[in-house]
C-alpha atoms as a PDB file:
ATOM      1  CA  MET A   1      85.902  93.368 100.611  1.00  0.00           C
ATOM      2  CA  LEU A   2      86.714  96.834  99.360  1.00  0.00           C
ATOM      3  CA  ARG A   3      85.364  98.709  96.358  1.00  0.00           C
ATOM      4  CA  VAL A   4      87.339 101.776  95.295  1.00  0.00           C
ATOM      5  CA  GLU A   5      86.092 104.310  92.798  1.00  0.00           C
ATOM      6  CA  TYR A   6      88.342 107.081  91.552  1.00  0.00           C
ATOM      7  CA  LYS A   7      87.404 109.370  88.707  1.00  0.00           C
ATOM      8  CA  SER A   8      85.739 107.016  86.200  1.00  0.00           C
ATOM      9  CA  GLN A   9      87.535 103.834  87.338  1.00  0.00           C
ATOM     10  CA  SER A  10      86.420 101.187  89.819  1.00  0.00           C
ATOM     11  CA  PHE A  11      88.343  98.447  91.601  1.00  0.00           C
ATOM     12  CA  LEU A  12      86.957  95.532  93.608  1.00  0.00           C
ATOM     13  CA  PHE A  13      89.313  93.927  96.128  1.00  0.00           C
ATOM     14  CA  THR A  14      87.618  90.786  97.405  1.00  0.00           C
ATOM     15  CA  ALA A  15      90.134  89.624 100.036  1.00  0.00           C
ATOM     16  CA  ASP A  16      89.329  86.067 101.185  1.00  0.00           C
ATOM     17  CA  ILE A  17      85.549  86.042 100.986  1.00  0.00           C
ATOM     18  CA  ARG A  18      83.934  82.767  99.981  1.00  0.00           C
ATOM     19  CA  GLU A  19      81.388  82.165  97.256  1.00  0.00           C
ATOM     20  CA  ALA A  20      78.390  82.184  99.641  1.00  0.00           C
ATOM     21  CA  LEU A  21      79.294  85.672 100.860  1.00  0.00           C
ATOM     22  CA  GLU A  22      79.957  86.831  97.300  1.00  0.00           C
ATOM     23  CA  GLU A  23      76.400  85.836  96.434  1.00  0.00           C
ATOM     24  CA  GLU A  24      75.033  87.611  99.505  1.00  0.00           C
ATOM     25  CA  LEU A  25      76.879  90.849  98.676  1.00  0.00           C
ATOM     26  CA  SER A  26      76.563  90.706  94.885  1.00  0.00           C
ATOM     27  CA  ASP A  27      73.892  93.411  94.659  1.00  0.00           C
ATOM     28  CA  ASP A  28      76.518  95.867  95.908  1.00  0.00           C
ATOM     29  CA  PHE A  29      79.229  94.928  93.381  1.00  0.00           C
ATOM     30  CA  GLY A  30      78.126  96.560  90.143  1.00  0.00           C
ATOM     31  CA  ASP A  31      80.458  96.527  87.142  1.00  0.00           C
ATOM     32  CA  VAL A  32      84.153  97.054  87.837  1.00  0.00           C
ATOM     33  CA  ASP A  33      87.188  97.930  85.786  1.00  0.00           C
ATOM     34  CA  VAL A  34      89.669  95.884  87.826  1.00  0.00           C
ATOM     35  CA  LEU A  35      88.707  92.796  89.839  1.00  0.00           C
ATOM     36  CA  LYS A  36      91.108  91.149  92.284  1.00  0.00           C
ATOM     37  CA  LEU A  37      89.881  87.570  92.637  1.00  0.00           C
ATOM     38  CA  SER A  38      89.078  86.153  96.054  1.00  0.00           C
ATOM     39  CA  HIS A  39      91.279  83.816  98.042  1.00  0.00           C
ATOM     40  CA  HIS A  40      94.117  83.411  95.505  1.00  0.00           C
ATOM     41  CA  GLY A  41      91.707  82.266  92.793  1.00  0.00           C
ATOM     42  CA  SER A  42      90.444  79.391  94.930  1.00  0.00           C
ATOM     43  CA  ASP A  43      87.559  77.105  93.920  1.00  0.00           C
ATOM     44  CA  SER A  44      85.883  77.902  97.248  1.00  0.00           C
ATOM     45  CA  ALA A  45      85.363  81.455  96.028  1.00  0.00           C
ATOM     46  CA  ASN A  46      85.039  83.369  92.757  1.00  0.00           C
ATOM     47  CA  GLY A  47      81.613  82.270  91.654  1.00  0.00           C
ATOM     48  CA  GLU A  48      79.030  83.622  89.255  1.00  0.00           C
ATOM     49  CA  ALA A  49      78.540  86.812  91.283  1.00  0.00           C
ATOM     50  CA  LEU A  50      82.083  87.922  90.477  1.00  0.00           C
ATOM     51  CA  LEU A  51      81.685  87.035  86.808  1.00  0.00           C
ATOM     52  CA  GLU A  52      78.708  89.372  86.723  1.00  0.00           C
ATOM     53  CA  THR A  53      80.930  92.346  87.619  1.00  0.00           C
ATOM     54  CA  ASN A  54      82.089  92.299  83.977  1.00  0.00           C
ATOM     55  CA  PRO A  55      85.666  93.314  84.789  1.00  0.00           C
ATOM     56  CA  ASP A  56      87.920  94.818  82.151  1.00  0.00           C
ATOM     57  CA  THR A  57      90.957  93.342  83.941  1.00  0.00           C
ATOM     58  CA  VAL A  58      91.403  90.540  86.482  1.00  0.00           C
ATOM     59  CA  VAL A  59      94.189  90.193  89.056  1.00  0.00           C
ATOM     60  CA  VAL A  60      95.041  87.014  90.943  1.00  0.00           C
ATOM     61  CA  SER A  61      97.497  87.020  93.831  1.00  0.00           C
ATOM     62  CA  ALA A  62      98.810  83.468  93.551  1.00  0.00           C
ATOM     63  CA  SER A  63     101.245  81.108  91.919  1.00  0.00           C
ATOM     64  CA  THR A  64     100.113  79.973  88.454  1.00  0.00           C
ATOM     65  CA  LYS A  65     100.235  76.295  89.434  1.00  0.00           C
ATOM     66  CA  TYR A  66      97.252  76.786  91.754  1.00  0.00           C
ATOM     67  CA  ILE A  67      94.849  78.579  89.458  1.00  0.00           C
ATOM     68  CA  ASP A  68      95.237  77.618  85.809  1.00  0.00           C
ATOM     69  CA  ASP A  69      92.477  75.012  86.056  1.00  0.00           C
ATOM     70  CA  LYS A  70      89.990  77.319  87.786  1.00  0.00           C
ATOM     71  CA  GLU A  71      86.620  77.860  86.170  1.00  0.00           C
ATOM     72  CA  ILE A  72      86.572  81.636  86.599  1.00  0.00           C
ATOM     73  CA  ILE A  73      90.009  81.962  84.960  1.00  0.00           C
ATOM     74  CA  ASP A  74      88.790  79.946  81.984  1.00  0.00           C
ATOM     75  CA  GLU A  75      85.637  82.061  81.790  1.00  0.00           C
ATOM     76  CA  MET A  76      87.628  85.308  81.835  1.00  0.00           C
ATOM     77  CA  ARG A  77      89.933  83.972  79.133  1.00  0.00           C
ATOM     78  CA  ASP A  78      86.877  83.046  77.063  1.00  0.00           C
ATOM     79  CA  ARG A  79      85.731  86.671  77.419  1.00  0.00           C
ATOM     80  CA  ASP A  80      89.199  87.911  76.351  1.00  0.00           C
ATOM     81  CA  THR A  81      89.603  89.662  79.710  1.00  0.00           C
ATOM     82  CA  PRO A  82      93.261  90.359  80.534  1.00  0.00           C
ATOM     83  CA  ILE A  83      94.385  88.344  83.555  1.00  0.00           C
ATOM     84  CA  TYR A  84      97.431  89.210  85.624  1.00  0.00           C
ATOM     85  CA  ILE A  85      98.811  86.602  88.006  1.00  0.00           C
ATOM     86  CA  THR A  86     101.353  87.839  90.525  1.00  0.00           C
ATOM     87  CA  GLY A  87     103.196  84.509  90.504  1.00  0.00           C
ATOM     88  CA  LYS A  88     103.859  85.027  86.802  1.00  0.00           C
ATOM     89  CA  ASP A  89     103.637  88.791  86.297  1.00  0.00           C
ATOM     90  CA  GLY A  90     105.171  89.973  89.580  1.00  0.00           C
ATOM     91  CA  ASN A  91     104.162  93.219  91.247  1.00  0.00           C
ATOM     92  CA  LEU A  92     101.404  95.063  89.441  1.00  0.00           C
ATOM     93  CA  GLU A  93     100.694  98.773  89.251  1.00  0.00           C
ATOM     94  CA  PHE A  94      97.555 100.427  87.970  1.00  0.00           C
ATOM     95  CA  VAL A  95      97.468 104.205  87.558  1.00  0.00           C
ATOM     96  CA  VAL A  96      94.418 106.401  87.077  1.00  0.00           C
ATOM     97  CA  THR A  97      95.392 109.564  85.222  1.00  0.00           C
ATOM     98  CA  GLU A  98      94.066 113.030  85.987  1.00  0.00           C
ATOM     99  CA  GLN A  99      91.774 112.568  82.985  1.00  0.00           C
ATOM    100  CA  GLY A 100      90.393 109.353  84.491  1.00  0.00           C
ATOM    101  CA  ALA A 101      92.073 106.896  82.113  1.00  0.00           C
ATOM    102  CA  LEU A 102      93.313 103.598  83.543  1.00  0.00           C
ATOM    103  CA  ILE A 103      96.910 102.655  82.762  1.00  0.00           C
ATOM    104  CA  GLY A 104      97.550  98.981  83.424  1.00  0.00           C
ATOM    105  CA  PRO A 105     100.707  96.969  84.014  1.00  0.00           C
ATOM    106  CA  ASP A 106     101.476  96.558  80.298  1.00  0.00           C
ATOM    107  CA  GLU A 107     101.344 100.264  79.525  1.00  0.00           C
ATOM    108  CA  ALA A 108     103.955 102.959  80.013  1.00  0.00           C
ATOM    109  CA  VAL A 109     103.184 105.668  82.524  1.00  0.00           C
ATOM    110  CA  ASP A 110     104.086 109.174  81.397  1.00  0.00           C
ATOM    111  CA  ASP A 111     105.101 111.095  84.522  1.00  0.00           C
ATOM    112  CA  GLU A 112     104.750 114.485  82.832  1.00  0.00           C
END
């Protein structure tokens, strides 16, 4: 698991940790701006501890056929949290500007 903070933005990359380890480490999570779900959005991971990070954006590295019925995806949709799925949305890029603003995959990046 890796938490990255840059300027005012935070990212949590959960790799393949399982729900039991998520619970054990949850005190260290805090709120995050971008959450990459564990283990391709698997049911064996992505429990309540990740929901409590209150992400502004969620990323899943998986094909849509494997995750659409997952509880955490439904919960994030209920919260109106944007969800990006690499199997549907392709490669994703997030940029943190010099001013600390987060530019997500749906937004244009001004290189000037």
